[in-house]
Amino acid sequence: MRAYVDTCMQELNSQLNRWETIKDFRILDHDLTVEADELTPSLKLKRKVLETRYSSLLDSMYGG
């Protein structure tokens, strides 16, 4: 799955300016849900909740 997403991401990145490209990504082993308080009822990301819940994952991506 990761290889497929990486291939798609590289194809997309080839059409974007350097500052717009995706540099790194992670695939979660579950979906984000309203019930888990990760999404609003209109399915928008709750950024503060996600930043707190996945801080170690984000740190590993950004060298923090």
PDB file of N, CA and C in Angstrom:
ATOM      1  N   MET A   1       0.834  -1.184   0.000  1.00  0.00           N
ATOM      2  CA  MET A   1       0.000   0.000   0.000  1.00  0.00           C
ATOM      3  C   MET A   1       0.882   1.253   0.000  1.00  0.00           C
ATOM      4  N   ARG A   2       1.899   1.253   0.848  1.00  0.00           N
ATOM      5  CA  ARG A   2       2.770   2.427   0.936  1.00  0.00           C
ATOM      6  C   ARG A   2       3.444   2.710  -0.412  1.00  0.00           C
ATOM      7  N   ALA A   3       3.889   1.675  -1.099  1.00  0.00           N
ATOM      8  CA  ALA A   3       4.551   1.849  -2.397  1.00  0.00           C
ATOM      9  C   ALA A   3       3.579   2.461  -3.415  1.00  0.00           C
ATOM     10  N   TYR A   4       2.331   2.030  -3.402  1.00  0.00           N
ATOM     11  CA  TYR A   4       1.327   2.573  -4.316  1.00  0.00           C
ATOM     12  C   TYR A   4       1.081   4.057  -4.036  1.00  0.00           C
ATOM     13  N   VAL A   5       0.891   4.401  -2.771  1.00  0.00           N
ATOM     14  CA  VAL A   5       0.665   5.797  -2.398  1.00  0.00           C
ATOM     15  C   VAL A   5       1.888   6.637  -2.754  1.00  0.00           C
ATOM     16  N   ASP A   6       3.075   6.101  -2.523  1.00  0.00           N
ATOM     17  CA  ASP A   6       4.302   6.816  -2.852  1.00  0.00           C
ATOM     18  C   ASP A   6       4.390   7.097  -4.357  1.00  0.00           C
ATOM     19  N   THR A   7       4.028   6.122  -5.170  1.00  0.00           N
ATOM     20  CA  THR A   7       4.028   6.298  -6.624  1.00  0.00           C
ATOM     21  C   THR A   7       3.045   7.398  -7.039  1.00  0.00           C
ATOM     22  N   CYS A   8       1.862   7.368  -6.474  1.00  0.00           N
ATOM     23  CA  CYS A   8       0.852   8.393  -6.772  1.00  0.00           C
ATOM     24  C   CYS A   8       1.325   9.771  -6.317  1.00  0.00           C
ATOM     25  N   MET A   9       1.943   9.823  -5.151  1.00  0.00           N
ATOM     26  CA  MET A   9       2.442  11.085  -4.614  1.00  0.00           C
ATOM     27  C   MET A   9       3.547  11.658  -5.507  1.00  0.00           C
ATOM     28  N   GLN A  10       4.447  10.814  -5.978  1.00  0.00           N
ATOM     29  CA  GLN A  10       5.517  11.275  -6.860  1.00  0.00           C
ATOM     30  C   GLN A  10       4.952  11.825  -8.169  1.00  0.00           C
ATOM     31  N   GLU A  11       3.931  11.165  -8.696  1.00  0.00           N
ATOM     32  CA  GLU A  11       3.283  11.641  -9.923  1.00  0.00           C
ATOM     33  C   GLU A  11       2.661  13.014  -9.693  1.00  0.00           C
ATOM     34  N   LEU A  12       1.970  13.171  -8.580  1.00  0.00           N
ATOM     35  CA  LEU A  12       1.373  14.459  -8.242  1.00  0.00           C
ATOM     36  C   LEU A  12       2.455  15.513  -8.047  1.00  0.00           C
ATOM     37  N   ASN A  13       3.493  15.183  -7.298  1.00  0.00           N
ATOM     38  CA  ASN A  13       4.567  16.135  -7.021  1.00  0.00           C
ATOM     39  C   ASN A  13       5.240  16.628  -8.299  1.00  0.00           C
ATOM     40  N   SER A  14       5.294  15.807  -9.326  1.00  0.00           N
ATOM     41  CA  SER A  14       5.945  16.208 -10.576  1.00  0.00           C
ATOM     42  C   SER A  14       5.198  17.352 -11.266  1.00  0.00           C
ATOM     43  N   GLN A  15       3.944  17.570 -10.885  1.00  0.00           N
ATOM     44  CA  GLN A  15       3.126  18.616 -11.487  1.00  0.00           C
ATOM     45  C   GLN A  15       3.069  19.887 -10.637  1.00  0.00           C
ATOM     46  N   LEU A  16       3.742  19.868  -9.482  1.00  0.00           N
ATOM     47  CA  LEU A  16       3.662  20.988  -8.542  1.00  0.00           C
ATOM     48  C   LEU A  16       4.985  21.726  -8.440  1.00  0.00           C
ATOM     49  N   ASN A  17       4.913  22.959  -7.952  1.00  0.00           N
ATOM     50  CA  ASN A  17       6.126  23.690  -7.627  1.00  0.00           C
ATOM     51  C   ASN A  17       6.778  23.057  -6.405  1.00  0.00           C
ATOM     52  N   ARG A  18       8.062  23.279  -6.244  1.00  0.00           N
ATOM     53  CA  ARG A  18       8.814  22.628  -5.165  1.00  0.00           C
ATOM     54  C   ARG A  18       8.196  22.865  -3.784  1.00  0.00           C
ATOM     55  N   TRP A  19       7.770  24.094  -3.517  1.00  0.00           N
ATOM     56  CA  TRP A  19       7.229  24.420  -2.195  1.00  0.00           C
ATOM     57  C   TRP A  19       5.833  23.831  -1.964  1.00  0.00           C
ATOM     58  N   GLU A  20       5.193  23.327  -2.994  1.00  0.00           N
ATOM     59  CA  GLU A  20       3.861  22.733  -2.872  1.00  0.00           C
ATOM     60  C   GLU A  20       3.906  21.213  -2.707  1.00  0.00           C
ATOM     61  N   THR A  21       5.064  20.620  -2.883  1.00  0.00           N
ATOM     62  CA  THR A  21       5.140  19.167  -2.923  1.00  0.00           C
ATOM     63  C   THR A  21       5.011  18.534  -1.545  1.00  0.00           C
ATOM     64  N   ILE A  22       4.559  17.301  -1.540  1.00  0.00           N
ATOM     65  CA  ILE A  22       4.479  16.495  -0.321  1.00  0.00           C
ATOM     66  C   ILE A  22       5.868  15.912  -0.095  1.00  0.00           C
ATOM     67  N   LYS A  23       6.421  16.157   1.086  1.00  0.00           N
ATOM     68  CA  LYS A  23       7.786  15.698   1.377  1.00  0.00           C
ATOM     69  C   LYS A  23       7.791  14.333   2.072  1.00  0.00           C
ATOM     70  N   ASP A  24       6.811  14.095   2.916  1.00  0.00           N
ATOM     71  CA  ASP A  24       6.764  12.874   3.717  1.00  0.00           C
ATOM     72  C   ASP A  24       5.310  12.577   4.055  1.00  0.00           C
ATOM     73  N   PHE A  25       4.993  11.331   4.345  1.00  0.00           N
ATOM     74  CA  PHE A  25       3.631  10.975   4.730  1.00  0.00           C
ATOM     75  C   PHE A  25       3.649   9.718   5.585  1.00  0.00           C
ATOM     76  N   ARG A  26       2.579   9.518   6.317  1.00  0.00           N
ATOM     77  CA  ARG A  26       2.373   8.307   7.097  1.00  0.00           C
ATOM     78  C   ARG A  26       0.956   7.815   6.807  1.00  0.00           C
ATOM     79  N   ILE A  27       0.771   6.518   6.855  1.00  0.00           N
ATOM     80  CA  ILE A  27      -0.547   5.916   6.676  1.00  0.00           C
ATOM     81  C   ILE A  27      -0.974   5.355   8.025  1.00  0.00           C
ATOM     82  N   LEU A  28      -2.092   5.845   8.524  1.00  0.00           N
ATOM     83  CA  LEU A  28      -2.615   5.360   9.807  1.00  0.00           C
ATOM     84  C   LEU A  28      -3.266   3.997   9.623  1.00  0.00           C
ATOM     85  N   ASP A  29      -3.315   3.237  10.697  1.00  0.00           N
ATOM     86  CA  ASP A  29      -3.931   1.910  10.633  1.00  0.00           C
ATOM     87  C   ASP A  29      -5.436   1.950  10.908  1.00  0.00           C
ATOM     88  N   HIS A  30      -5.986   3.164  10.926  1.00  0.00           N
ATOM     89  CA  HIS A  30      -7.423   3.333  11.142  1.00  0.00           C
ATOM     90  C   HIS A  30      -7.883   4.623  10.466  1.00  0.00           C
ATOM     91  N   ASP A  31      -9.192   4.749  10.289  1.00  0.00           N
ATOM     92  CA  ASP A  31      -9.770   5.966   9.717  1.00  0.00           C
ATOM     93  C   ASP A  31      -9.962   7.008  10.812  1.00  0.00           C
ATOM     94  N   LEU A  32      -9.879   8.264  10.449  1.00  0.00           N
ATOM     95  CA  LEU A  32     -10.235   9.340  11.371  1.00  0.00           C
ATOM     96  C   LEU A  32     -11.754   9.425  11.406  1.00  0.00           C
ATOM     97  N   THR A  33     -12.334   9.602  12.600  1.00  0.00           N
ATOM     98  CA  THR A  33     -13.788   9.590  12.722  1.00  0.00           C
ATOM     99  C   THR A  33     -14.294  10.719  13.606  1.00  0.00           C
ATOM    100  N   VAL A  34     -15.566  11.025  13.453  1.00  0.00           N
ATOM    101  CA  VAL A  34     -16.242  11.990  14.313  1.00  0.00           C
ATOM    102  C   VAL A  34     -16.354  11.401  15.717  1.00  0.00           C
ATOM    103  N   GLU A  35     -16.652  10.105  15.804  1.00  0.00           N
ATOM    104  CA  GLU A  35     -16.825   9.443  17.098  1.00  0.00           C
ATOM    105  C   GLU A  35     -15.546   9.464  17.937  1.00  0.00           C
ATOM    106  N   ALA A  36     -14.405   9.420  17.307  1.00  0.00           N
ATOM    107  CA  ALA A  36     -13.133   9.468  18.022  1.00  0.00           C
ATOM    108  C   ALA A  36     -12.690  10.909  18.277  1.00  0.00           C
ATOM    109  N   ASP A  37     -13.551  11.871  17.944  1.00  0.00           N
ATOM    110  CA  ASP A  37     -13.306  13.301  18.159  1.00  0.00           C
ATOM    111  C   ASP A  37     -12.125  13.815  17.333  1.00  0.00           C
ATOM    112  N   GLU A  38     -11.873  13.201  16.182  1.00  0.00           N
ATOM    113  CA  GLU A  38     -10.789  13.633  15.304  1.00  0.00           C
ATOM    114  C   GLU A  38     -11.300  14.484  14.143  1.00  0.00           C
ATOM    115  N   LEU A  39     -12.609  14.390  13.881  1.00  0.00           N
ATOM    116  CA  LEU A  39     -13.252  15.154  12.817  1.00  0.00           C
ATOM    117  C   LEU A  39     -14.470  15.873  13.371  1.00  0.00           C
ATOM    118  N   THR A  40     -14.796  17.003  12.751  1.00  0.00           N
ATOM    119  CA  THR A  40     -16.029  17.699  13.107  1.00  0.00           C
ATOM    120  C   THR A  40     -17.202  16.980  12.428  1.00  0.00           C
ATOM    121  N   PRO A  41     -18.438  17.300  12.804  1.00  0.00           N
ATOM    122  CA  PRO A  41     -19.587  16.682  12.117  1.00  0.00           C
ATOM    123  C   PRO A  41     -19.603  16.941  10.609  1.00  0.00           C
ATOM    124  N   SER A  42     -18.959  18.037  10.162  1.00  0.00           N
ATOM    125  CA  SER A  42     -18.888  18.309   8.712  1.00  0.00           C
ATOM    126  C   SER A  42     -17.612  17.719   8.106  1.00  0.00           C
ATOM    127  N   LEU A  43     -16.962  16.811   8.857  1.00  0.00           N
ATOM    128  CA  LEU A  43     -15.799  16.041   8.416  1.00  0.00           C
ATOM    129  C   LEU A  43     -14.530  16.868   8.173  1.00  0.00           C
ATOM    130  N   LYS A  44     -14.409  17.971   8.891  1.00  0.00           N
ATOM    131  CA  LYS A  44     -13.168  18.746   8.859  1.00  0.00           C
ATOM    132  C   LYS A  44     -12.245  18.216   9.947  1.00  0.00           C
ATOM    133  N   LEU A  45     -10.948  18.310   9.700  1.00  0.00           N
ATOM    134  CA  LEU A  45      -9.973  17.853  10.690  1.00  0.00           C
ATOM    135  C   LEU A  45      -9.988  18.738  11.930  1.00  0.00           C
ATOM    136  N   LYS A  46      -9.911  18.125  13.097  1.00  0.00           N
ATOM    137  CA  LYS A  46      -9.720  18.867  14.338  1.00  0.00           C
ATOM    138  C   LYS A  46      -8.207  18.895  14.585  1.00  0.00           C
ATOM    139  N   ARG A  47      -7.574  19.928  14.050  1.00  0.00           N
ATOM    140  CA  ARG A  47      -6.114  19.988  14.023  1.00  0.00           C
ATOM    141  C   ARG A  47      -5.484  19.906  15.409  1.00  0.00           C
ATOM    142  N   LYS A  48      -6.027  20.632  16.381  1.00  0.00           N
ATOM    143  CA  LYS A  48      -5.452  20.610  17.735  1.00  0.00           C
ATOM    144  C   LYS A  48      -5.518  19.206  18.341  1.00  0.00           C
ATOM    145  N   VAL A  49      -6.640  18.529  18.156  1.00  0.00           N
ATOM    146  CA  VAL A  49      -6.797  17.161  18.670  1.00  0.00           C
ATOM    147  C   VAL A  49      -5.781  16.237  17.994  1.00  0.00           C
ATOM    148  N   LEU A  50      -5.669  16.350  16.678  1.00  0.00           N
ATOM    149  CA  LEU A  50      -4.749  15.487  15.935  1.00  0.00           C
ATOM    150  C   LEU A  50      -3.294  15.787  16.286  1.00  0.00           C
ATOM    151  N   GLU A  51      -2.952  17.065  16.443  1.00  0.00           N
ATOM    152  CA  GLU A  51      -1.580  17.430  16.818  1.00  0.00           C
ATOM    153  C   GLU A  51      -1.216  16.841  18.174  1.00  0.00           C
ATOM    154  N   THR A  52      -2.159  16.860  19.102  1.00  0.00           N
ATOM    155  CA  THR A  52      -1.912  16.295  20.431  1.00  0.00           C
ATOM    156  C   THR A  52      -1.842  14.774  20.381  1.00  0.00           C
ATOM    157  N   ARG A  53      -2.813  14.158  19.736  1.00  0.00           N
ATOM    158  CA  ARG A  53      -2.915  12.706  19.691  1.00  0.00           C
ATOM    159  C   ARG A  53      -1.759  12.056  18.926  1.00  0.00           C
ATOM    160  N   TYR A  54      -1.311  12.698  17.867  1.00  0.00           N
ATOM    161  CA  TYR A  54      -0.276  12.118  17.014  1.00  0.00           C
ATOM    162  C   TYR A  54       1.038  12.901  17.083  1.00  0.00           C
ATOM    163  N   SER A  55       1.324  13.501  18.221  1.00  0.00           N
ATOM    164  CA  SER A  55       2.519  14.345  18.353  1.00  0.00           C
ATOM    165  C   SER A  55       3.809  13.569  18.098  1.00  0.00           C
ATOM    166  N   SER A  56       3.903  12.332  18.575  1.00  0.00           N
ATOM    167  CA  SER A  56       5.132  11.567  18.359  1.00  0.00           C
ATOM    168  C   SER A  56       5.303  11.214  16.873  1.00  0.00           C
ATOM    169  N   LEU A  57       4.223  10.910  16.205  1.00  0.00           N
ATOM    170  CA  LEU A  57       4.265  10.621  14.768  1.00  0.00           C
ATOM    171  C   LEU A  57       4.677  11.869  13.980  1.00  0.00           C
ATOM    172  N   LEU A  58       4.104  13.006  14.339  1.00  0.00           N
ATOM    173  CA  LEU A  58       4.456  14.258  13.664  1.00  0.00           C
ATOM    174  C   LEU A  58       5.904  14.639  13.944  1.00  0.00           C
ATOM    175  N   ASP A  59       6.347  14.451  15.176  1.00  0.00           N
ATOM    176  CA  ASP A  59       7.751  14.732  15.519  1.00  0.00           C
ATOM    177  C   ASP A  59       8.708  13.879  14.691  1.00  0.00           C
ATOM    178  N   SER A  60       8.347  12.626  14.463  1.00  0.00           N
ATOM    179  CA  SER A  60       9.214  11.750  13.669  1.00  0.00           C
ATOM    180  C   SER A  60       9.295  12.216  12.214  1.00  0.00           C
ATOM    181  N   MET A  61       8.247  12.877  11.748  1.00  0.00           N
ATOM    182  CA  MET A  61       8.230  13.375  10.375  1.00  0.00           C
ATOM    183  C   MET A  61       9.020  14.674  10.209  1.00  0.00           C
ATOM    184  N   TYR A  62       8.999  15.488  11.240  1.00  0.00           N
ATOM    185  CA  TYR A  62       9.615  16.813  11.144  1.00  0.00           C
ATOM    186  C   TYR A  62      10.875  16.948  11.975  1.00  0.00           C
ATOM    187  N   GLY A  63      11.408  15.848  12.468  1.00  0.00           N
ATOM    188  CA  GLY A  63      12.655  15.897  13.206  1.00  0.00           C
ATOM    189  C   GLY A  63      12.575  16.627  14.520  1.00  0.00           C
ATOM    190  N   GLY A  64      11.357  16.740  15.098  1.00  0.00           N
ATOM    191  CA  GLY A  64      11.178  17.487  16.355  1.00  0.00           C
ATOM    192  C   GLY A  64      11.430  16.619  17.517  1.00  0.00           C
TER     193      GLY A  64
END
